[in-house]
Amino acid sequence: MAAKIIIALVAFPVLVHAIFTVARLVLGLMMPEVLAHAGSWSEIVSKGAVVAAFLLAVRASFGVCRRLWPAPVK
């Protein structure tokens, strides 16, 4: 039970934050070039990149935590 609590309350949010930060760093390197081509859509593209990075982080963290989740004892 303790392992499940640690995974849900510690590992999942920490992994989401770490993956989100890395994704934003990578996207941050590409954003000036993308925003130059976006023109008037630059604010929408920028917000979309943040949302995409967050969704990617949540999904990746869920996959990792699902692998860490202890199997039921039979």
Protein backbone atom coordinates (compact mmCIF):
# COMPACT_ATOMS: atom_id res chain seq x y z
CA MET A 1 0.00 0.00 0.00
CA ALA A 2 2.85 2.39 0.80
CA ALA A 3 4.41 1.84 -2.63
CA LYS A 4 1.14 2.79 -4.33
CA ILE A 5 0.85 5.98 -2.27
CA ILE A 6 4.45 6.96 -3.03
CA ILE A 7 3.96 6.34 -6.75
CA ALA A 8 0.68 8.28 -6.88
CA LEU A 9 1.69 11.25 -4.70
CA VAL A 10 5.42 11.56 -5.39
CA ALA A 11 6.63 9.77 -8.51
CA PHE A 12 3.80 10.78 -10.85
CA PRO A 13 3.93 14.57 -10.20
CA VAL A 14 7.75 14.61 -10.17
CA LEU A 15 7.91 12.76 -13.48
CA VAL A 16 5.26 15.03 -15.03
CA HIS A 17 7.22 18.10 -13.98
CA ALA A 18 10.54 16.73 -15.22
CA ILE A 19 9.17 15.60 -18.59
CA PHE A 20 7.25 18.88 -19.04
CA THR A 21 10.39 20.89 -18.31
CA VAL A 22 12.47 18.92 -20.80
CA ALA A 23 9.76 19.15 -23.46
CA ARG A 24 9.45 22.91 -22.96
CA LEU A 25 13.23 23.30 -23.22
CA VAL A 26 13.28 21.42 -26.51
CA LEU A 27 10.24 23.28 -27.83
CA GLY A 28 11.73 26.55 -26.60
CA LEU A 29 14.69 26.04 -28.92
CA MET A 30 12.36 25.60 -31.88
CA MET A 31 9.70 28.18 -31.01
CA PRO A 32 11.37 31.35 -32.40
CA GLU A 33 11.59 29.75 -35.83
CA VAL A 34 8.04 28.39 -35.68
CA LEU A 35 6.59 31.65 -34.38
CA ALA A 36 8.29 33.61 -37.17
CA HIS A 37 6.36 31.54 -39.70
CA ALA A 38 3.10 31.59 -37.71
CA GLY A 39 2.56 35.33 -38.05
CA SER A 40 -0.68 36.36 -36.37
CA TRP A 41 -1.17 32.84 -35.01
CA SER A 42 1.96 33.02 -32.87
CA GLU A 43 0.15 33.32 -29.53
CA ILE A 44 -2.11 30.35 -30.32
CA VAL A 45 0.87 28.28 -31.49
CA SER A 46 2.77 29.16 -28.31
CA LYS A 47 -0.14 28.16 -26.05
CA GLY A 48 -0.67 25.02 -28.10
CA ALA A 49 2.97 24.04 -27.57
CA VAL A 50 2.55 24.40 -23.79
CA VAL A 51 -0.61 22.26 -23.84
CA ALA A 52 1.05 19.66 -26.06
CA ALA A 53 4.09 19.48 -23.77
CA PHE A 54 1.84 19.06 -20.73
CA LEU A 55 -0.22 16.30 -22.34
CA LEU A 56 2.95 14.54 -23.46
CA ALA A 57 4.34 14.77 -19.93
CA VAL A 58 1.19 13.40 -18.32
CA ARG A 59 0.96 10.49 -20.76
CA ALA A 60 4.64 9.57 -20.44
CA SER A 61 4.51 9.80 -16.65
CA PHE A 62 1.40 7.63 -16.59
CA GLY A 63 3.20 5.00 -18.66
CA VAL A 64 6.22 4.99 -16.36
CA CYS A 65 4.13 4.89 -13.17
CA ARG A 66 1.97 2.10 -14.57
CA ARG A 67 5.16 0.02 -14.95
CA LEU A 68 6.20 0.87 -11.39
CA TRP A 69 2.78 -0.02 -9.92
CA PRO A 70 3.10 -3.17 -7.78
CA ALA A 71 1.31 -6.23 -9.08
CA PRO A 72 -1.38 -7.73 -6.85
CA VAL A 73 -0.16 -10.60 -4.69
CA LYS A 74 -1.97 -13.83 -5.44
